[in-house]
């Protein structure tokens, strides 16, 4: 029971932090940010920003609710690894630290799932 409450708290706190501090600012300022957002892997700035918004905002909502927790953790993990090693690759560790901390959190959720207090648990009838 305490483990499931811990997963609920962890999932909601990580999801809200990412959504409100990173996803929402990108979504609400999309047109202003699109011109300067780094285009990576041969993608345009707009496409890169769209993928970041999908991950940081929409996947975070699913994470908070516990909908396909393991699956939505993957785009979030990839986004944080790209931020740490591509966007901040040449920067000192201090600049990579936040993205890596989020990456550790998403790795944990990809391995554990959302727990008993999640929509996943209702859908897949896990105890």
N, C-alpha and C. Protein backbone atom coordinates (compact mmCIF):
# COMPACT_ATOMS: atom_id res chain seq x y z
N UNK A 1 0.82 -1.20 0.00
CA UNK A 1 0.00 0.00 0.00
C UNK A 1 0.87 1.27 0.00
N UNK A 2 1.88 1.30 0.88
CA UNK A 2 2.76 2.47 0.93
C UNK A 2 3.56 2.62 -0.35
N UNK A 3 3.96 1.52 -0.96
CA UNK A 3 4.69 1.59 -2.23
C UNK A 3 3.82 2.22 -3.31
N UNK A 4 2.55 1.83 -3.34
CA UNK A 4 1.64 2.38 -4.34
C UNK A 4 1.35 3.85 -4.09
N UNK A 5 1.23 4.25 -2.83
CA UNK A 5 1.08 5.68 -2.51
C UNK A 5 2.34 6.44 -2.89
N UNK A 6 3.50 5.83 -2.67
CA UNK A 6 4.77 6.45 -3.07
C UNK A 6 4.85 6.64 -4.57
N UNK A 7 4.43 5.63 -5.33
CA UNK A 7 4.43 5.75 -6.79
C UNK A 7 3.44 6.82 -7.25
N UNK A 8 2.29 6.90 -6.61
CA UNK A 8 1.32 7.95 -6.94
C UNK A 8 1.94 9.33 -6.70
N UNK A 9 2.52 9.53 -5.53
CA UNK A 9 3.14 10.81 -5.21
C UNK A 9 4.27 11.12 -6.19
N UNK A 10 5.11 10.14 -6.46
CA UNK A 10 6.25 10.32 -7.37
C UNK A 10 5.77 10.68 -8.78
N UNK A 11 4.81 9.91 -9.29
CA UNK A 11 4.28 10.12 -10.63
C UNK A 11 3.64 11.50 -10.78
N UNK A 12 2.81 11.87 -9.81
CA UNK A 12 2.11 13.16 -9.87
C UNK A 12 3.10 14.32 -9.71
N UNK A 13 4.03 14.22 -8.77
CA UNK A 13 4.96 15.33 -8.54
C UNK A 13 5.90 15.52 -9.72
N UNK A 14 6.42 14.43 -10.28
CA UNK A 14 7.30 14.54 -11.45
C UNK A 14 6.51 15.05 -12.65
N UNK A 15 5.32 14.51 -12.85
CA UNK A 15 4.50 14.92 -13.99
C UNK A 15 4.09 16.38 -13.92
N UNK A 16 3.63 16.82 -12.75
CA UNK A 16 3.24 18.23 -12.60
C UNK A 16 4.42 19.18 -12.78
N UNK A 17 5.56 18.80 -12.21
CA UNK A 17 6.74 19.66 -12.33
C UNK A 17 7.14 19.82 -13.79
N UNK A 18 7.20 18.73 -14.52
CA UNK A 18 7.58 18.80 -15.94
C UNK A 18 6.54 19.57 -16.74
N UNK A 19 5.27 19.24 -16.52
CA UNK A 19 4.20 19.87 -17.30
C UNK A 19 4.15 21.38 -17.07
N UNK A 20 4.18 21.79 -15.81
CA UNK A 20 4.01 23.22 -15.49
C UNK A 20 5.28 24.04 -15.71
N UNK A 21 6.45 23.49 -15.40
CA UNK A 21 7.69 24.26 -15.51
C UNK A 21 8.31 24.22 -16.89
N UNK A 22 8.02 23.18 -17.67
CA UNK A 22 8.68 23.03 -18.96
C UNK A 22 7.71 22.89 -20.13
N UNK A 23 6.72 22.01 -19.99
CA UNK A 23 5.78 21.76 -21.09
C UNK A 23 4.86 22.92 -21.39
N UNK A 24 4.21 23.45 -20.34
CA UNK A 24 3.28 24.55 -20.55
C UNK A 24 3.96 25.80 -21.12
N UNK A 25 5.11 26.22 -20.61
CA UNK A 25 5.77 27.39 -21.22
C UNK A 25 6.09 27.18 -22.70
N UNK A 26 6.47 25.97 -23.07
CA UNK A 26 6.76 25.70 -24.49
C UNK A 26 5.48 25.73 -25.31
N UNK A 27 4.41 25.13 -24.77
CA UNK A 27 3.14 25.11 -25.50
C UNK A 27 2.54 26.51 -25.63
N UNK A 28 2.50 27.25 -24.54
CA UNK A 28 1.87 28.57 -24.58
C UNK A 28 2.70 29.60 -25.35
N UNK A 29 4.00 29.40 -25.43
CA UNK A 29 4.86 30.32 -26.18
C UNK A 29 5.40 29.70 -27.45
N UNK A 30 4.64 28.76 -28.00
CA UNK A 30 5.12 27.97 -29.13
C UNK A 30 5.62 28.85 -30.29
N UNK A 31 4.81 29.81 -30.71
CA UNK A 31 5.19 30.60 -31.89
C UNK A 31 6.44 31.43 -31.64
N UNK A 32 6.62 31.93 -30.42
CA UNK A 32 7.82 32.71 -30.12
C UNK A 32 9.05 31.81 -30.01
N UNK A 33 8.89 30.62 -29.44
CA UNK A 33 10.01 29.72 -29.21
C UNK A 33 10.42 28.97 -30.47
N UNK A 34 9.50 28.80 -31.41
CA UNK A 34 9.76 27.97 -32.60
C UNK A 34 10.96 28.47 -33.40
N UNK A 35 11.16 29.76 -33.45
CA UNK A 35 12.25 30.31 -34.27
C UNK A 35 13.63 30.03 -33.67
N UNK A 36 13.71 29.90 -32.34
CA UNK A 36 15.02 29.74 -31.71
C UNK A 36 15.25 28.36 -31.08
N UNK A 37 14.23 27.51 -31.10
CA UNK A 37 14.38 26.19 -30.50
C UNK A 37 15.37 25.37 -31.32
N UNK A 38 16.25 24.62 -30.67
CA UNK A 38 17.25 23.87 -31.44
C UNK A 38 16.61 22.76 -32.27
N UNK A 39 16.94 22.75 -33.54
CA UNK A 39 16.53 21.66 -34.42
C UNK A 39 17.58 20.56 -34.32
N UNK A 40 17.16 19.37 -33.97
CA UNK A 40 18.11 18.27 -33.76
C UNK A 40 17.81 17.10 -34.68
N UNK A 41 18.81 16.30 -34.94
CA UNK A 41 18.68 15.08 -35.76
C UNK A 41 18.13 15.39 -37.15
N UNK A 42 18.46 16.56 -37.69
CA UNK A 42 18.00 16.94 -39.01
C UNK A 42 16.56 17.43 -39.05
N UNK A 43 15.94 17.57 -37.90
CA UNK A 43 14.56 18.06 -37.83
C UNK A 43 14.56 19.57 -37.71
N UNK A 44 13.51 20.20 -38.18
CA UNK A 44 13.39 21.65 -38.06
C UNK A 44 13.14 22.04 -36.60
N UNK A 45 13.33 23.31 -36.31
CA UNK A 45 13.06 23.81 -34.97
C UNK A 45 11.61 23.55 -34.57
N UNK A 46 10.69 23.76 -35.50
CA UNK A 46 9.27 23.58 -35.20
C UNK A 46 8.94 22.13 -34.87
N UNK A 47 9.52 21.20 -35.62
CA UNK A 47 9.27 19.78 -35.37
C UNK A 47 9.89 19.37 -34.03
N UNK A 48 11.10 19.81 -33.77
CA UNK A 48 11.76 19.50 -32.50
C UNK A 48 10.95 20.05 -31.32
N UNK A 49 10.46 21.28 -31.46
CA UNK A 49 9.65 21.88 -30.40
C UNK A 49 8.33 21.13 -30.23
N UNK A 50 7.71 20.73 -31.32
CA UNK A 50 6.47 19.96 -31.25
C UNK A 50 6.67 18.65 -30.49
N UNK A 51 7.77 17.97 -30.78
CA UNK A 51 8.06 16.72 -30.08
C UNK A 51 8.30 16.97 -28.59
N UNK A 52 9.00 18.05 -28.27
CA UNK A 52 9.24 18.39 -26.86
C UNK A 52 7.93 18.72 -26.15
N UNK A 53 7.05 19.46 -26.81
CA UNK A 53 5.74 19.81 -26.22
C UNK A 53 4.91 18.55 -26.03
N UNK A 54 4.88 17.67 -27.02
CA UNK A 54 4.14 16.42 -26.89
C UNK A 54 4.61 15.66 -25.65
N UNK A 55 5.91 15.55 -25.53
CA UNK A 55 6.48 14.82 -24.40
C UNK A 55 6.25 15.53 -23.08
N UNK A 56 6.72 16.76 -22.99
CA UNK A 56 6.74 17.48 -21.71
C UNK A 56 5.35 17.89 -21.22
N UNK A 57 4.42 18.12 -22.12
CA UNK A 57 3.08 18.52 -21.70
C UNK A 57 2.10 17.35 -21.73
N UNK A 58 1.92 16.77 -22.91
CA UNK A 58 0.87 15.76 -23.05
C UNK A 58 1.23 14.42 -22.40
N UNK A 59 2.48 13.98 -22.55
CA UNK A 59 2.87 12.74 -21.86
C UNK A 59 2.88 12.93 -20.35
N UNK A 60 3.18 14.15 -19.89
CA UNK A 60 3.13 14.42 -18.45
C UNK A 60 1.71 14.31 -17.91
N UNK A 61 0.73 14.74 -18.67
CA UNK A 61 -0.66 14.59 -18.24
C UNK A 61 -1.01 13.10 -18.10
N UNK A 62 -0.62 12.31 -19.09
CA UNK A 62 -0.88 10.87 -19.01
C UNK A 62 -0.15 10.26 -17.82
N UNK A 63 1.07 10.72 -17.56
CA UNK A 63 1.84 10.22 -16.41
C UNK A 63 1.13 10.54 -15.10
N UNK A 64 0.65 11.75 -14.96
CA UNK A 64 -0.06 12.16 -13.75
C UNK A 64 -1.27 11.26 -13.51
N UNK A 65 -2.00 10.97 -14.56
CA UNK A 65 -3.20 10.14 -14.45
C UNK A 65 -2.87 8.65 -14.33
N UNK A 66 -1.66 8.31 -14.71
CA UNK A 66 -1.28 6.90 -14.69
C UNK A 66 -1.84 6.14 -15.87
N UNK A 67 -1.88 6.79 -17.03
CA UNK A 67 -2.37 6.18 -18.26
C UNK A 67 -1.16 5.74 -19.09
N UNK A 68 -1.05 4.45 -19.31
CA UNK A 68 0.08 3.89 -20.07
C UNK A 68 1.42 4.40 -19.54
N UNK A 69 1.55 4.35 -18.24
CA UNK A 69 2.69 4.95 -17.54
C UNK A 69 4.03 4.53 -18.12
N UNK A 70 4.21 3.24 -18.31
CA UNK A 70 5.50 2.77 -18.84
C UNK A 70 5.76 3.33 -20.23
N UNK A 71 4.75 3.37 -21.06
CA UNK A 71 4.91 3.85 -22.43
C UNK A 71 5.16 5.35 -22.49
N UNK A 72 4.40 6.15 -21.73
CA UNK A 72 4.59 7.61 -21.81
C UNK A 72 5.88 8.05 -21.12
N UNK A 73 6.46 7.19 -20.30
CA UNK A 73 7.75 7.51 -19.70
C UNK A 73 8.87 7.51 -20.75
N UNK A 74 8.69 6.74 -21.81
CA UNK A 74 9.74 6.62 -22.83
C UNK A 74 9.98 7.92 -23.59
N UNK A 75 8.94 8.60 -24.15
CA UNK A 75 9.22 9.88 -24.81
C UNK A 75 9.80 10.92 -23.84
N UNK A 76 9.33 10.88 -22.59
CA UNK A 76 9.87 11.81 -21.59
C UNK A 76 11.34 11.51 -21.33
N UNK A 77 11.69 10.24 -21.21
CA UNK A 77 13.08 9.84 -21.01
C UNK A 77 13.94 10.27 -22.19
N UNK A 78 13.48 10.01 -23.39
CA UNK A 78 14.24 10.39 -24.59
C UNK A 78 14.44 11.90 -24.65
N UNK A 79 13.39 12.65 -24.36
CA UNK A 79 13.50 14.11 -24.36
C UNK A 79 14.56 14.60 -23.38
N UNK A 80 14.59 14.00 -22.20
CA UNK A 80 15.56 14.42 -21.19
C UNK A 80 16.98 14.00 -21.56
N UNK A 81 17.14 12.84 -22.18
CA UNK A 81 18.47 12.43 -22.63
C UNK A 81 18.97 13.32 -23.76
N UNK A 82 18.08 13.71 -24.66
CA UNK A 82 18.45 14.65 -25.72
C UNK A 82 18.84 16.00 -25.11
N UNK A 83 18.06 16.46 -24.14
CA UNK A 83 18.39 17.73 -23.48
C UNK A 83 19.75 17.65 -22.80
N UNK A 84 20.02 16.57 -22.10
CA UNK A 84 21.27 16.45 -21.35
C UNK A 84 22.47 16.29 -22.27
N UNK A 85 22.36 15.43 -23.27
CA UNK A 85 23.55 15.07 -24.03
C UNK A 85 23.68 15.74 -25.39
N UNK A 86 22.59 16.28 -25.91
CA UNK A 86 22.67 16.99 -27.21
C UNK A 86 22.60 18.50 -26.99
N UNK A 87 21.53 18.96 -26.36
CA UNK A 87 21.35 20.40 -26.17
C UNK A 87 22.42 20.95 -25.22
N UNK A 88 22.67 20.23 -24.12
CA UNK A 88 23.65 20.69 -23.12
C UNK A 88 24.91 19.84 -23.13
N UNK A 89 25.17 19.16 -24.24
CA UNK A 89 26.31 18.26 -24.33
C UNK A 89 27.65 18.89 -24.02
N UNK A 90 27.84 20.10 -24.47
CA UNK A 90 29.13 20.77 -24.25
C UNK A 90 29.15 21.58 -22.95
N UNK A 91 28.03 21.64 -22.28
CA UNK A 91 27.93 22.43 -21.05
C UNK A 91 28.48 21.66 -19.86
N UNK A 92 28.80 22.37 -18.77
CA UNK A 92 29.24 21.67 -17.56
C UNK A 92 28.11 20.81 -16.98
N UNK A 93 28.48 19.87 -16.12
CA UNK A 93 27.52 18.93 -15.53
C UNK A 93 26.34 19.64 -14.89
N UNK A 94 26.58 20.77 -14.27
CA UNK A 94 25.51 21.53 -13.58
C UNK A 94 24.34 21.83 -14.52
N UNK A 95 24.63 22.07 -15.80
CA UNK A 95 23.57 22.35 -16.78
C UNK A 95 22.82 21.09 -17.20
N UNK A 96 23.46 19.94 -17.08
CA UNK A 96 22.85 18.66 -17.46
C UNK A 96 22.08 18.03 -16.30
N UNK A 97 22.38 18.47 -15.09
CA UNK A 97 21.89 17.81 -13.89
C UNK A 97 20.37 17.66 -13.85
N UNK A 98 19.63 18.71 -14.12
CA UNK A 98 18.17 18.66 -14.04
C UNK A 98 17.60 17.66 -15.04
N UNK A 99 18.07 17.72 -16.27
CA UNK A 99 17.59 16.78 -17.29
C UNK A 99 17.90 15.34 -16.88
N UNK A 100 19.07 15.12 -16.32
CA UNK A 100 19.44 13.77 -15.88
C UNK A 100 18.58 13.30 -14.71
N UNK A 101 18.27 14.20 -13.79
CA UNK A 101 17.40 13.82 -12.66
C UNK A 101 16.02 13.41 -13.18
N UNK A 102 15.47 14.17 -14.12
CA UNK A 102 14.20 13.77 -14.73
C UNK A 102 14.36 12.44 -15.45
N UNK A 103 15.47 12.24 -16.16
CA UNK A 103 15.70 10.98 -16.87
C UNK A 103 15.72 9.80 -15.90
N UNK A 104 16.33 9.98 -14.73
CA UNK A 104 16.34 8.92 -13.73
C UNK A 104 14.92 8.61 -13.26
N UNK A 105 14.13 9.66 -13.07
CA UNK A 105 12.74 9.48 -12.64
C UNK A 105 11.93 8.72 -13.69
N UNK A 106 12.09 9.09 -14.95
CA UNK A 106 11.33 8.43 -16.01
C UNK A 106 11.79 7.00 -16.22
N UNK A 107 13.07 6.74 -16.03
CA UNK A 107 13.56 5.37 -16.10
C UNK A 107 12.92 4.53 -15.01
N UNK A 108 12.85 5.08 -13.82
CA UNK A 108 12.21 4.37 -12.70
C UNK A 108 10.75 4.07 -13.01
N UNK A 109 10.01 5.04 -13.52
CA UNK A 109 8.60 4.83 -13.83
C UNK A 109 8.40 3.87 -15.00
N UNK A 110 9.32 3.87 -15.95
CA UNK A 110 9.24 2.91 -17.05
C UNK A 110 9.42 1.49 -16.53
N UNK A 111 10.21 1.33 -15.48
CA UNK A 111 10.44 0.00 -14.91
C UNK A 111 9.33 -0.43 -13.94
N UNK A 112 8.79 0.53 -13.18
CA UNK A 112 7.82 0.17 -12.14
C UNK A 112 6.37 0.23 -12.59
N UNK A 113 6.08 1.09 -13.55
CA UNK A 113 4.69 1.34 -13.90
C UNK A 113 4.08 2.33 -12.93
N UNK A 114 2.81 2.56 -13.06
CA UNK A 114 2.14 3.60 -12.28
C UNK A 114 1.67 3.20 -10.90
N UNK A 115 1.65 1.92 -10.60
CA UNK A 115 1.19 1.47 -9.29
C UNK A 115 -0.31 1.26 -9.25
N UNK A 116 -0.79 0.88 -8.08
CA UNK A 116 -2.20 0.54 -7.87
C UNK A 116 -3.12 1.74 -8.08
N UNK A 117 -2.64 2.94 -7.74
CA UNK A 117 -3.47 4.14 -7.84
C UNK A 117 -3.23 4.83 -9.18
N UNK A 118 -3.58 4.14 -10.24
CA UNK A 118 -3.40 4.66 -11.60
C UNK A 118 -4.54 4.15 -12.48
N UNK A 119 -4.75 4.81 -13.58
CA UNK A 119 -5.75 4.34 -14.53
C UNK A 119 -5.29 3.03 -15.14
N UNK A 120 -3.97 2.85 -15.30
CA UNK A 120 -3.44 1.57 -15.77
C UNK A 120 -3.96 0.42 -14.93
N UNK A 121 -3.93 0.60 -13.62
CA UNK A 121 -4.37 -0.43 -12.69
C UNK A 121 -5.85 -0.77 -12.90
N UNK A 122 -6.65 0.24 -13.16
CA UNK A 122 -8.08 0.00 -13.43
C UNK A 122 -8.29 -0.73 -14.76
N UNK A 123 -7.57 -0.29 -15.78
CA UNK A 123 -7.74 -0.86 -17.11
C UNK A 123 -7.24 -2.30 -17.15
N UNK A 124 -6.06 -2.52 -16.60
CA UNK A 124 -5.42 -3.83 -16.71
C UNK A 124 -5.68 -4.70 -15.48
N UNK A 125 -6.51 -4.21 -14.56
CA UNK A 125 -6.93 -4.97 -13.37
C UNK A 125 -5.76 -5.52 -12.56
N UNK A 126 -4.76 -4.68 -12.35
CA UNK A 126 -3.62 -5.07 -11.52
C UNK A 126 -3.93 -4.78 -10.08
N UNK A 127 -3.46 -5.61 -9.18
CA UNK A 127 -3.69 -5.40 -7.74
C UNK A 127 -2.53 -4.68 -7.11
